[in-house]
Protein backbone atom coordinates (compact mmCIF):
# COMPACT_ATOMS: atom_id res chain seq x y z
CA UNK A 1 166.66 106.85 149.17
CA UNK A 2 168.96 106.12 145.93
CA UNK A 3 168.38 107.66 142.78
CA UNK A 4 167.70 104.58 141.06
CA UNK A 5 165.20 103.32 143.62
CA UNK A 6 161.78 105.24 143.42
CA UNK A 7 159.24 104.13 145.83
CA UNK A 8 156.20 102.27 144.97
CA UNK A 9 154.07 105.44 144.35
CA UNK A 10 150.36 104.39 144.56
CA UNK A 11 147.93 105.73 142.11
CA UNK A 12 144.62 106.71 143.37
CA UNK A 13 141.23 105.94 140.82
CA UNK A 14 138.47 107.77 139.85
CA UNK A 15 138.27 110.67 137.35
CA UNK A 16 141.66 112.19 135.95
CA UNK A 17 142.57 114.70 133.46
CA UNK A 18 142.79 112.29 130.51
CA UNK A 19 138.89 110.72 131.41
CA UNK A 20 138.04 114.06 130.98
CA UNK A 21 139.86 114.93 127.98
CA UNK A 22 138.09 111.82 126.32
CA UNK A 23 134.68 112.47 127.59
CA UNK A 24 134.95 116.22 126.14
CA UNK A 25 136.10 114.44 122.62
CA UNK A 26 133.81 112.38 122.44
CA UNK A 27 130.72 114.85 123.67
CA UNK A 28 131.81 117.50 121.22
CA UNK A 29 132.69 114.57 118.48
CA UNK A 30 128.73 113.58 118.56
CA UNK A 31 127.82 116.93 118.10
CA UNK A 32 129.68 117.60 115.21
CA UNK A 33 128.39 114.52 113.68
CA UNK A 34 124.86 114.79 114.34
CA UNK A 35 124.69 118.62 113.11
CA UNK A 36 127.26 117.54 110.16
CA UNK A 37 124.48 114.94 109.63
CA UNK A 38 121.52 117.64 109.39
CA UNK A 39 123.11 120.00 107.40
CA UNK A 40 123.67 117.35 104.94
CA UNK A 41 120.03 115.82 104.80
CA UNK A 42 118.88 119.94 104.61
CA UNK A 43 120.81 120.78 101.76
CA UNK A 44 120.35 117.24 100.02
CA UNK A 45 116.26 117.62 100.36
CA UNK A 46 115.30 121.39 99.90
CA UNK A 47 117.13 123.18 97.44
CA UNK A 48 116.19 127.06 99.02
CA UNK A 49 114.47 128.16 96.24
CA UNK A 50 111.40 129.86 97.14
CA UNK A 51 109.97 130.48 94.09
CA UNK A 52 110.65 129.80 90.46
CA UNK A 53 111.77 132.98 88.66
CA UNK A 54 111.10 135.65 92.02
CA UNK A 55 112.21 138.48 89.89
CA UNK A 56 109.68 138.17 86.84
CA UNK A 57 106.91 137.74 89.38
CA UNK A 58 108.32 140.82 91.03
CA UNK A 59 107.58 142.32 87.95
CA UNK A 60 104.22 141.81 87.48
CA UNK A 61 103.33 141.79 90.61
CA UNK A 62 100.30 144.89 90.48
CA UNK A 63 98.90 142.73 87.13
CA UNK A 64 98.60 139.70 90.17
CA UNK A 65 97.00 142.46 92.15
CA UNK A 66 94.53 142.87 89.47
CA UNK A 67 93.79 139.52 88.23
CA UNK A 68 92.93 138.99 91.65
CA UNK A 69 90.29 141.73 92.29
CA UNK A 70 88.98 140.59 88.96
CA UNK A 71 88.73 136.82 90.54
CA UNK A 72 86.91 138.37 93.68
CA UNK A 73 84.58 139.98 91.33
CA UNK A 74 83.55 136.88 89.70
CA UNK A 75 82.17 135.38 93.27
CA UNK A 76 82.42 132.23 92.04
CA UNK A 77 82.45 129.12 94.45
CA UNK A 78 84.70 126.54 94.07
CA UNK A 79 84.69 123.00 95.34
CA UNK A 80 87.67 120.53 95.41
CA UNK A 81 87.42 117.14 95.91
CA UNK A 82 90.68 114.21 95.85
CA UNK A 83 90.31 110.89 96.33
CA UNK A 84 92.75 108.21 97.71
CA UNK A 85 92.06 106.31 93.69
CA UNK A 86 93.67 109.77 92.78
CA UNK A 87 90.49 111.24 91.01
CA UNK A 88 90.29 114.75 91.21
CA UNK A 89 86.90 116.72 90.75
CA UNK A 90 86.52 120.62 90.79
CA UNK A 91 83.14 121.98 90.95
CA UNK A 92 82.83 125.74 89.80
CA UNK A 93 79.70 127.47 90.76
CA UNK A 94 79.06 131.16 89.95
CA UNK A 95 77.18 133.42 92.69
CA UNK A 96 73.50 132.15 92.19
CA UNK A 97 74.58 128.71 92.43
CA UNK A 98 74.46 128.02 88.66
CA UNK A 99 77.27 125.68 87.31
CA UNK A 100 80.31 127.43 85.33
CA UNK A 101 81.05 125.67 82.48
CA UNK A 102 82.82 125.58 79.32
CA UNK A 103 85.67 126.34 80.67
CA UNK A 104 89.41 125.10 80.28
CA UNK A 105 91.10 123.60 83.75
CA UNK A 106 94.36 123.09 84.27
CA UNK A 107 95.54 121.51 87.96
CA UNK A 108 98.70 120.62 89.66
CA UNK A 109 98.29 118.00 92.36
CA UNK A 110 101.88 117.89 94.75
CA UNK A 111 102.92 117.78 97.94
CA UNK A 112 103.19 120.46 100.40
CA UNK A 113 106.88 120.34 101.13
CA UNK A 114 108.05 118.89 97.78
CA UNK A 115 107.62 119.18 94.22
CA UNK A 116 109.43 115.82 93.06
CA UNK A 117 105.56 114.33 93.30
CA UNK A 118 103.86 116.94 91.29
CA UNK A 119 101.24 115.79 88.69
CA UNK A 120 100.29 118.13 85.97
CA UNK A 121 96.61 117.64 85.33
CA UNK A 122 94.03 118.48 82.34
CA UNK A 123 90.40 118.16 83.58
CA UNK A 124 87.67 117.74 81.56
CA UNK A 125 83.88 118.87 81.95
CA UNK A 126 82.17 115.24 82.92
CA UNK A 127 78.77 117.98 83.57
CA UNK A 128 78.12 121.44 83.35
CA UNK A 129 80.60 123.01 86.01
CA UNK A 130 81.96 119.98 86.88
CA UNK A 131 85.69 118.64 85.78
CA UNK A 132 87.89 115.86 87.03
CA UNK A 133 90.71 114.20 86.10
CA UNK A 134 92.53 111.24 87.16
CA UNK A 135 96.30 110.99 88.34
CA UNK A 136 96.90 107.83 89.61
CA UNK A 137 96.87 106.45 93.21
CA UNK A 138 98.33 109.00 95.48
CA UNK A 139 99.28 107.75 99.56
CA UNK A 140 98.06 109.63 102.34
CA UNK A 141 98.96 112.88 103.81
CA UNK A 142 99.21 116.64 102.91
CA UNK A 143 98.10 117.44 99.39
CA UNK A 144 97.77 120.42 97.79
CA UNK A 145 95.82 121.10 94.73
CA UNK A 146 96.96 124.20 92.16
CA UNK A 147 94.44 124.97 89.42
CA UNK A 148 93.99 127.40 86.57
CA UNK A 149 90.24 128.13 85.50
CA UNK A 150 90.92 130.00 81.82
CA UNK A 151 87.97 131.32 79.14
CA UNK A 152 88.46 127.85 76.29
CA UNK A 153 88.38 130.72 74.16
CA UNK A 154 91.22 133.06 75.40
CA UNK A 155 93.26 129.81 77.14
CA UNK A 156 96.39 132.34 77.87
CA UNK A 157 94.33 134.73 80.55
CA UNK A 158 93.77 132.82 83.92
CA UNK A 159 90.02 133.73 85.23
CA UNK A 160 90.46 131.84 88.08
CA UNK A 161 93.23 130.64 90.63
CA UNK A 162 92.72 128.11 92.93
CA UNK A 163 94.94 126.64 95.80
CA UNK A 164 93.83 124.56 98.37
CA UNK A 165 95.59 122.24 100.74
CA UNK A 166 94.12 118.75 101.77
CA UNK A 167 94.28 115.91 103.65
CA UNK A 168 94.14 112.70 103.08
CA UNK A 169 93.61 110.28 106.08
CA UNK A 170 96.58 106.90 105.97
């Protein structure tokens, strides 16, 4: 056999080295693409901030504990109703069931996972012990009501705080 003539080499078909290389590159390419997409959406939708002004809240921790003890001493019962049309009603009653009237009630109605749809409401007393406001039509799903009850004379100091998680059926 001369050096210029090569024998007819027959290559076998099947899995070869370059097939394995392409498969591995495709596999890891998909993994990196999906991880990148998830990372982008995670950073774009959540700021990572758990509390507004955590340092100041930490300084006022003992005051918050005292306020919670004062609130527990009131022994009020609270009922919260939110309708699909956006009506919110907070009913306050003392330990004997007597309506707690003449208070100033402010509430925030929002989604549990985001503050983008938060609505700040000033509730008005329509009957003794029942405070109402209209937020406009709201969609189904999980909603959180954060309300603060203050005395009408001392609008700075909260008497009662409540946080209720509600579910509106679709």
